[in-house]
Amino acid sequence: MDQSFSATARDASGSAFAIVGISSLPTDWAQVFKALAGTELTLDALPAGVPEADAGSSHSPAARGGGGGEPVGLLSESMTPPSVLGLNAYLLYAIGKTARRRLSDKLTARGLRLWHLTVMAMLNDLGPQMKTGLAKRLDMNQSDLRKIVDDLIKAGHAESSRDPHNRRRVMVRLTPAGRTALAECNADIATTDEDFLAPLDAEERDLLGSLLRRVHSRSG
């Protein structure tokens, strides 16, 4: 997850200037402050979470305030630039990115990916489907859909057979094991929702879900 830091630094003459940057790895910042410790620059404070051992000695000018005066600004950590908090599209992207990562982690632990879950849910909701029909409904490339179905068949979650009413059609359906796996995935994902939506109460969660479904119905 990206982190942004800002600080005030001073050169040998005492002139102050700002340092601002964004990094996804705290260790990047440890290296920056370690490098600054060997220069004539001094920083007014260290960011929270950067070990003193990585930033130089706790008695070095870079680890302590410089210039003999009071710090003019503390290093701050911000997950999101304030100027974009008013952009709903950005918030949806950022929140969705985090939600997708958590969901992917849950699925990976079960040897699945998001498309596996999506195809399983579609088969569960609509019953047996032809591969061409699945690809169209899910707006997927047919070759990609075949790979997903093949994965599910190998895992024992789905099976493919001729339609008894039309032998020219090959239907894909969930197996009993697939239905069980889907139910377990849904239960596991529900715990992720609880954690992800912890700042909201039950009424707010229902409202959020309703609003998101309304937007989703009009998107694409």
C-alpha atoms as a PDB file:
ATOM      1  CA  MET A   1       0.000   0.000   0.000  1.00  0.00           C
ATOM      2  CA  ASP A   2       1.449   3.396  -0.966  1.00  0.00           C
ATOM      3  CA  GLN A   3       2.624   5.702   1.785  1.00  0.00           C
ATOM      4  CA  SER A   4       3.447   9.372   1.446  1.00  0.00           C
ATOM      5  CA  PHE A   5       5.854  11.236   3.692  1.00  0.00           C
ATOM      6  CA  SER A   6       6.756  14.882   3.982  1.00  0.00           C
ATOM      7  CA  ALA A   7       9.375  16.651   6.071  1.00  0.00           C
ATOM      8  CA  THR A   8      11.331  19.834   6.472  1.00  0.00           C
ATOM      9  CA  ALA A   9      15.096  19.611   5.949  1.00  0.00           C
ATOM     10  CA  ARG A  10      17.820  22.202   6.511  1.00  0.00           C
ATOM     11  CA  ASP A  11      21.110  22.664   4.720  1.00  0.00           C
ATOM     12  CA  ALA A  12      24.374  23.769   6.349  1.00  0.00           C
ATOM     13  CA  SER A  13      23.332  27.442   6.217  1.00  0.00           C
ATOM     14  CA  GLY A  14      20.098  26.727   8.059  1.00  0.00           C
ATOM     15  CA  SER A  15      17.837  27.272   5.034  1.00  0.00           C
ATOM     16  CA  ALA A  16      14.764  25.049   5.176  1.00  0.00           C
ATOM     17  CA  PHE A  17      13.097  23.203   2.309  1.00  0.00           C
ATOM     18  CA  ALA A  18      10.476  20.485   1.988  1.00  0.00           C
ATOM     19  CA  ILE A  19      10.967  16.822   1.161  1.00  0.00           C
ATOM     20  CA  VAL A  20       7.887  15.024  -0.187  1.00  0.00           C
ATOM     21  CA  GLY A  21       7.644  11.538  -1.676  1.00  0.00           C
ATOM     22  CA  ILE A  22       5.518   8.438  -2.103  1.00  0.00           C
ATOM     23  CA  SER A  23       6.662   4.836  -1.752  1.00  0.00           C
ATOM     24  CA  SER A  24       5.010   1.444  -1.316  1.00  0.00           C
ATOM     25  CA  LEU A  25       7.935   0.137   0.768  1.00  0.00           C
ATOM     26  CA  PRO A  26       8.919   1.595   4.154  1.00  0.00           C
ATOM     27  CA  THR A  27      12.425   0.245   3.531  1.00  0.00           C
ATOM     28  CA  ASP A  28      12.762   2.747   0.666  1.00  0.00           C
ATOM     29  CA  TRP A  29      12.451   5.551   3.190  1.00  0.00           C
ATOM     30  CA  ALA A  30      14.879   3.884   5.566  1.00  0.00           C
ATOM     31  CA  GLN A  31      17.487   4.020   2.790  1.00  0.00           C
ATOM     32  CA  VAL A  32      16.709   7.678   2.048  1.00  0.00           C
ATOM     33  CA  PHE A  33      17.202   8.769   5.639  1.00  0.00           C
ATOM     34  CA  LYS A  34      20.277   6.589   6.008  1.00  0.00           C
ATOM     35  CA  ALA A  35      21.795   8.373   2.994  1.00  0.00           C
ATOM     36  CA  LEU A  36      20.880  11.808   4.343  1.00  0.00           C
ATOM     37  CA  ALA A  37      22.623  10.977   7.625  1.00  0.00           C
ATOM     38  CA  GLY A  38      25.972  11.251   5.827  1.00  0.00           C
ATOM     39  CA  THR A  39      25.303  14.682   4.347  1.00  0.00           C
ATOM     40  CA  GLU A  40      25.183  18.192   5.748  1.00  0.00           C
ATOM     41  CA  LEU A  41      21.391  18.088   5.717  1.00  0.00           C
ATOM     42  CA  THR A  42      19.392  17.757   8.912  1.00  0.00           C
ATOM     43  CA  LEU A  43      15.773  16.659   9.235  1.00  0.00           C
ATOM     44  CA  ASP A  44      13.311  17.962  11.783  1.00  0.00           C
ATOM     45  CA  ALA A  45      11.880  14.492  12.547  1.00  0.00           C
ATOM     46  CA  LEU A  46      11.824  10.869  11.475  1.00  0.00           C
ATOM     47  CA  PRO A  47       8.690   9.166  10.093  1.00  0.00           C
ATOM     48  CA  ALA A  48       6.846   6.762  12.347  1.00  0.00           C
ATOM     49  CA  GLY A  49       7.838   3.191  11.628  1.00  0.00           C
ATOM     50  CA  VAL A  50      11.365   3.863  10.325  1.00  0.00           C
ATOM     51  CA  PRO A  51      13.805   2.089  12.661  1.00  0.00           C
ATOM     52  CA  GLU A  52      16.571   4.275  14.043  1.00  0.00           C
ATOM     53  CA  ALA A  53      19.108   1.636  13.032  1.00  0.00           C
ATOM     54  CA  ASP A  54      18.074   2.072   9.411  1.00  0.00           C
ATOM     55  CA  ALA A  55      18.027   5.851   9.489  1.00  0.00           C
ATOM     56  CA  GLY A  56      21.445   6.210  11.102  1.00  0.00           C
ATOM     57  CA  SER A  57      22.393   6.653  14.743  1.00  0.00           C
ATOM     58  CA  SER A  58      19.707   8.120  16.978  1.00  0.00           C
ATOM     59  CA  HIS A  59      22.335  10.726  17.924  1.00  0.00           C
ATOM     60  CA  SER A  60      23.142  11.702  14.328  1.00  0.00           C
ATOM     61  CA  PRO A  61      22.011  15.062  12.896  1.00  0.00           C
ATOM     62  CA  ALA A  62      19.644  13.299  10.506  1.00  0.00           C
ATOM     63  CA  ALA A  63      17.931  11.409  13.297  1.00  0.00           C
ATOM     64  CA  ARG A  64      17.569  14.472  15.508  1.00  0.00           C
ATOM     65  CA  GLY A  65      16.323  17.954  14.763  1.00  0.00           C
ATOM     66  CA  GLY A  66      19.009  20.211  13.296  1.00  0.00           C
ATOM     67  CA  GLY A  67      19.865  23.861  13.383  1.00  0.00           C
ATOM     68  CA  GLY A  68      19.476  24.164  17.172  1.00  0.00           C
ATOM     69  CA  GLY A  69      15.851  25.312  16.877  1.00  0.00           C
ATOM     70  CA  GLU A  70      12.450  23.721  17.316  1.00  0.00           C
ATOM     71  CA  PRO A  71      11.214  21.456  14.508  1.00  0.00           C
ATOM     72  CA  VAL A  72       9.220  23.460  12.009  1.00  0.00           C
ATOM     73  CA  GLY A  73       7.239  20.450  10.809  1.00  0.00           C
ATOM     74  CA  LEU A  74       6.784  16.809  11.700  1.00  0.00           C
ATOM     75  CA  LEU A  75       6.957  14.048   9.140  1.00  0.00           C
ATOM     76  CA  SER A  76       3.451  12.841   8.461  1.00  0.00           C
ATOM     77  CA  GLU A  77       2.093   9.607   6.989  1.00  0.00           C
ATOM     78  CA  SER A  78      -0.952   9.802   4.741  1.00  0.00           C
ATOM     79  CA  MET A  79      -2.487   6.947   2.806  1.00  0.00           C
ATOM     80  CA  THR A  80      -4.312   9.172   0.326  1.00  0.00           C
ATOM     81  CA  PRO A  81      -3.562  12.682  -0.969  1.00  0.00           C
ATOM     82  CA  PRO A  82      -6.314  14.906   0.499  1.00  0.00           C
ATOM     83  CA  SER A  83      -6.945  16.572  -2.855  1.00  0.00           C
ATOM     84  CA  VAL A  84      -8.405  13.376  -4.358  1.00  0.00           C
ATOM     85  CA  LEU A  85     -10.703  12.462  -1.443  1.00  0.00           C
ATOM     86  CA  GLY A  86     -13.492  14.385  -3.158  1.00  0.00           C
ATOM     87  CA  LEU A  87     -13.228  12.267  -6.324  1.00  0.00           C
ATOM     88  CA  ASN A  88     -15.657   9.356  -6.095  1.00  0.00           C
ATOM     89  CA  ALA A  89     -14.051   7.588  -9.046  1.00  0.00           C
ATOM     90  CA  TYR A  90     -10.695   7.623  -7.247  1.00  0.00           C
ATOM     91  CA  LEU A  91     -12.234   6.375  -3.984  1.00  0.00           C
ATOM     92  CA  LEU A  92     -13.988   3.528  -5.782  1.00  0.00           C
ATOM     93  CA  TYR A  93     -10.725   2.592  -7.489  1.00  0.00           C
ATOM     94  CA  ALA A  94      -8.659   2.710  -4.292  1.00  0.00           C
ATOM     95  CA  ILE A  95     -11.220   0.869  -2.157  1.00  0.00           C
ATOM     96  CA  GLY A  96     -11.844  -1.650  -4.927  1.00  0.00           C
ATOM     97  CA  LYS A  97      -8.118  -2.316  -5.255  1.00  0.00           C
ATOM     98  CA  THR A  98      -7.868  -3.136  -1.558  1.00  0.00           C
ATOM     99  CA  ALA A  99     -11.022  -5.253  -1.616  1.00  0.00           C
ATOM    100  CA  ARG A 100      -9.821  -7.162  -4.663  1.00  0.00           C
ATOM    101  CA  ARG A 101      -6.481  -7.915  -3.007  1.00  0.00           C
ATOM    102  CA  ARG A 102      -8.179  -9.267   0.112  1.00  0.00           C
ATOM    103  CA  LEU A 103     -10.591 -11.314  -1.964  1.00  0.00           C
ATOM    104  CA  SER A 104      -7.755 -12.685  -4.096  1.00  0.00           C
ATOM    105  CA  ASP A 105      -5.854 -13.715  -0.963  1.00  0.00           C
ATOM    106  CA  LYS A 106      -8.858 -15.700   0.259  1.00  0.00           C
ATOM    107  CA  LEU A 107      -9.285 -17.418  -3.106  1.00  0.00           C
ATOM    108  CA  THR A 108      -5.586 -18.127  -3.570  1.00  0.00           C
ATOM    109  CA  ALA A 109      -5.574 -19.967  -0.262  1.00  0.00           C
ATOM    110  CA  ARG A 110      -8.147 -22.306  -1.822  1.00  0.00           C
ATOM    111  CA  GLY A 111      -6.298 -22.670  -5.120  1.00  0.00           C
ATOM    112  CA  LEU A 112      -8.779 -20.445  -6.970  1.00  0.00           C
ATOM    113  CA  ARG A 113      -8.842 -17.092  -8.714  1.00  0.00           C
ATOM    114  CA  LEU A 114     -11.564 -14.487  -9.099  1.00  0.00           C
ATOM    115  CA  TRP A 115     -12.704 -15.826 -12.487  1.00  0.00           C
ATOM    116  CA  HIS A 116     -13.070 -19.310 -11.018  1.00  0.00           C
ATOM    117  CA  LEU A 117     -15.407 -17.914  -8.374  1.00  0.00           C
ATOM    118  CA  THR A 118     -17.341 -15.915 -10.974  1.00  0.00           C
ATOM    119  CA  VAL A 119     -17.921 -18.914 -13.249  1.00  0.00           C
ATOM    120  CA  MET A 120     -18.900 -21.122 -10.310  1.00  0.00           C
ATOM    121  CA  ALA A 121     -21.377 -18.501  -9.112  1.00  0.00           C
ATOM    122  CA  MET A 122     -22.872 -18.174 -12.587  1.00  0.00           C
ATOM    123  CA  LEU A 123     -23.354 -21.944 -12.882  1.00  0.00           C
ATOM    124  CA  ASN A 124     -24.867 -22.024  -9.415  1.00  0.00           C
ATOM    125  CA  ASP A 125     -27.256 -19.150 -10.146  1.00  0.00           C
ATOM    126  CA  LEU A 126     -28.346 -20.142 -13.665  1.00  0.00           C
ATOM    127  CA  GLY A 127     -27.772 -23.886 -13.779  1.00  0.00           C
ATOM    128  CA  PRO A 128     -25.932 -25.791 -16.570  1.00  0.00           C
ATOM    129  CA  GLN A 129     -24.638 -23.573 -19.366  1.00  0.00           C
ATOM    130  CA  MET A 130     -22.860 -23.935 -22.684  1.00  0.00           C
ATOM    131  CA  LYS A 131     -19.338 -22.522 -22.728  1.00  0.00           C
ATOM    132  CA  THR A 132     -20.287 -20.044 -25.433  1.00  0.00           C
ATOM    133  CA  GLY A 133     -23.193 -18.848 -23.304  1.00  0.00           C
ATOM    134  CA  LEU A 134     -20.992 -18.474 -20.241  1.00  0.00           C
ATOM    135  CA  ALA A 135     -18.403 -16.496 -22.177  1.00  0.00           C
ATOM    136  CA  LYS A 136     -21.081 -14.144 -23.529  1.00  0.00           C
ATOM    137  CA  ARG A 137     -22.778 -13.606 -20.178  1.00  0.00           C
ATOM    138  CA  LEU A 138     -19.468 -12.903 -18.449  1.00  0.00           C
ATOM    139  CA  ASP A 139     -18.055 -10.866 -21.343  1.00  0.00           C
ATOM    140  CA  MET A 140     -15.035 -13.175 -21.508  1.00  0.00           C
ATOM    141  CA  ASN A 141     -12.876 -14.323 -24.368  1.00  0.00           C
ATOM    142  CA  GLN A 142     -13.966 -17.884 -25.182  1.00  0.00           C
ATOM    143  CA  SER A 143     -10.428 -19.268 -24.961  1.00  0.00           C
ATOM    144  CA  ASP A 144     -10.041 -17.738 -21.482  1.00  0.00           C
ATOM    145  CA  LEU A 145     -13.387 -19.189 -20.453  1.00  0.00           C
ATOM    146  CA  ARG A 146     -12.324 -22.649 -21.620  1.00  0.00           C
ATOM    147  CA  LYS A 147      -9.190 -22.453 -19.464  1.00  0.00           C
ATOM    148  CA  ILE A 148     -11.228 -21.494 -16.403  1.00  0.00           C
ATOM    149  CA  VAL A 149     -13.709 -24.306 -17.000  1.00  0.00           C
ATOM    150  CA  ASP A 150     -10.862 -26.779 -17.526  1.00  0.00           C
ATOM    151  CA  ASP A 151      -9.358 -25.699 -14.198  1.00  0.00           C
ATOM    152  CA  LEU A 152     -12.685 -26.249 -12.438  1.00  0.00           C
ATOM    153  CA  ILE A 153     -13.121 -29.659 -14.051  1.00  0.00           C
ATOM    154  CA  LYS A 154      -9.621 -30.731 -12.976  1.00  0.00           C
ATOM    155  CA  ALA A 155     -10.381 -29.577  -9.436  1.00  0.00           C
ATOM    156  CA  GLY A 156     -13.624 -31.566  -9.420  1.00  0.00           C
ATOM    157  CA  HIS A 157     -15.758 -28.433  -9.070  1.00  0.00           C
ATOM    158  CA  ALA A 158     -17.445 -28.725 -12.477  1.00  0.00           C
ATOM    159  CA  GLU A 159     -18.183 -31.277 -15.161  1.00  0.00           C
ATOM    160  CA  SER A 160     -18.932 -31.142 -18.872  1.00  0.00           C
ATOM    161  CA  SER A 161     -21.367 -33.451 -20.692  1.00  0.00           C
ATOM    162  CA  ARG A 162     -23.686 -33.634 -23.700  1.00  0.00           C
ATOM    163  CA  ASP A 163     -27.128 -32.117 -23.353  1.00  0.00           C
ATOM    164  CA  PRO A 164     -29.553 -35.096 -23.376  1.00  0.00           C
ATOM    165  CA  HIS A 165     -32.100 -32.940 -25.239  1.00  0.00           C
ATOM    166  CA  ASN A 166     -29.643 -31.774 -27.886  1.00  0.00           C
ATOM    167  CA  ARG A 167     -26.566 -33.942 -28.356  1.00  0.00           C
ATOM    168  CA  ARG A 168     -24.804 -31.222 -30.306  1.00  0.00           C
ATOM    169  CA  ARG A 169     -24.591 -29.045 -27.209  1.00  0.00           C
ATOM    170  CA  VAL A 170     -22.014 -29.550 -24.452  1.00  0.00           C
ATOM    171  CA  MET A 171     -23.170 -28.278 -21.074  1.00  0.00           C
ATOM    172  CA  VAL A 172     -21.077 -27.264 -18.089  1.00  0.00           C
ATOM    173  CA  ARG A 173     -22.506 -27.753 -14.609  1.00  0.00           C
ATOM    174  CA  LEU A 174     -21.317 -27.597 -11.009  1.00  0.00           C
ATOM    175  CA  THR A 175     -20.636 -30.844  -9.230  1.00  0.00           C
ATOM    176  CA  PRO A 176     -21.788 -31.410  -5.633  1.00  0.00           C
ATOM    177  CA  ALA A 177     -18.172 -30.801  -4.594  1.00  0.00           C
ATOM    178  CA  GLY A 178     -18.245 -27.556  -6.558  1.00  0.00           C
ATOM    179  CA  ARG A 179     -21.362 -26.370  -4.756  1.00  0.00           C
ATOM    180  CA  THR A 180     -19.744 -27.141  -1.425  1.00  0.00           C
ATOM    181  CA  ALA A 181     -16.552 -25.304  -2.439  1.00  0.00           C
ATOM    182  CA  LEU A 182     -18.590 -22.293  -3.573  1.00  0.00           C
ATOM    183  CA  ALA A 183     -20.505 -22.171  -0.293  1.00  0.00           C
ATOM    184  CA  GLU A 184     -17.249 -22.335   1.658  1.00  0.00           C
ATOM    185  CA  CYS A 185     -15.739 -19.560  -0.473  1.00  0.00           C
ATOM    186  CA  ASN A 186     -18.779 -17.348   0.049  1.00  0.00           C
ATOM    187  CA  ALA A 187     -18.626 -17.888   3.808  1.00  0.00           C
ATOM    188  CA  ASP A 188     -14.918 -17.101   3.833  1.00  0.00           C
ATOM    189  CA  ILE A 189     -15.440 -13.959   1.769  1.00  0.00           C
ATOM    190  CA  ALA A 190     -18.229 -12.836   4.109  1.00  0.00           C
ATOM    191  CA  THR A 191     -15.671 -12.635   6.915  1.00  0.00           C
ATOM    192  CA  THR A 192     -13.576 -10.382   4.674  1.00  0.00           C
ATOM    193  CA  ASP A 193     -16.603  -8.118   4.180  1.00  0.00           C
ATOM    194  CA  GLU A 194     -17.056  -7.895   7.944  1.00  0.00           C
ATOM    195  CA  ASP A 195     -13.477  -6.764   8.390  1.00  0.00           C
ATOM    196  CA  PHE A 196     -13.419  -4.479   5.351  1.00  0.00           C
ATOM    197  CA  LEU A 197     -16.675  -2.716   6.306  1.00  0.00           C
ATOM    198  CA  ALA A 198     -15.915  -2.538  10.022  1.00  0.00           C
ATOM    199  CA  PRO A 199     -16.218   1.313  10.092  1.00  0.00           C
ATOM    200  CA  LEU A 200     -19.905   1.025   9.053  1.00  0.00           C
ATOM    201  CA  ASP A 201     -22.871  -0.179  11.088  1.00  0.00           C
ATOM    202  CA  ALA A 202     -25.420  -2.669   9.709  1.00  0.00           C
ATOM    203  CA  GLU A 203     -27.745   0.021   8.308  1.00  0.00           C
ATOM    204  CA  GLU A 204     -24.871   1.836   6.609  1.00  0.00           C
ATOM    205  CA  ARG A 205     -23.637  -1.425   5.069  1.00  0.00           C
ATOM    206  CA  ASP A 206     -27.071  -2.158   3.643  1.00  0.00           C
ATOM    207  CA  LEU A 207     -27.247   1.359   2.210  1.00  0.00           C
ATOM    208  CA  LEU A 208     -23.751   1.086   0.730  1.00  0.00           C
ATOM    209  CA  GLY A 209     -24.599  -2.254  -0.875  1.00  0.00           C
ATOM    210  CA  SER A 210     -27.793  -0.828  -2.356  1.00  0.00           C
ATOM    211  CA  LEU A 211     -25.986   2.202  -3.779  1.00  0.00           C
ATOM    212  CA  LEU A 212     -23.150   0.117  -5.224  1.00  0.00           C
ATOM    213  CA  ARG A 213     -25.611  -2.280  -6.894  1.00  0.00           C
ATOM    214  CA  ARG A 214     -27.435   0.693  -8.420  1.00  0.00           C
ATOM    215  CA  VAL A 215     -24.199   2.142  -9.799  1.00  0.00           C
ATOM    216  CA  HIS A 216     -23.077  -1.295 -10.982  1.00  0.00           C
ATOM    217  CA  SER A 217     -26.326  -1.794 -12.897  1.00  0.00           C
ATOM    218  CA  ARG A 218     -25.597   1.342 -14.907  1.00  0.00           C
ATOM    219  CA  SER A 219     -21.875   0.814 -15.429  1.00  0.00           C
ATOM    220  CA  GLY A 220     -20.250  -0.722 -18.488  1.00  0.00           C
END
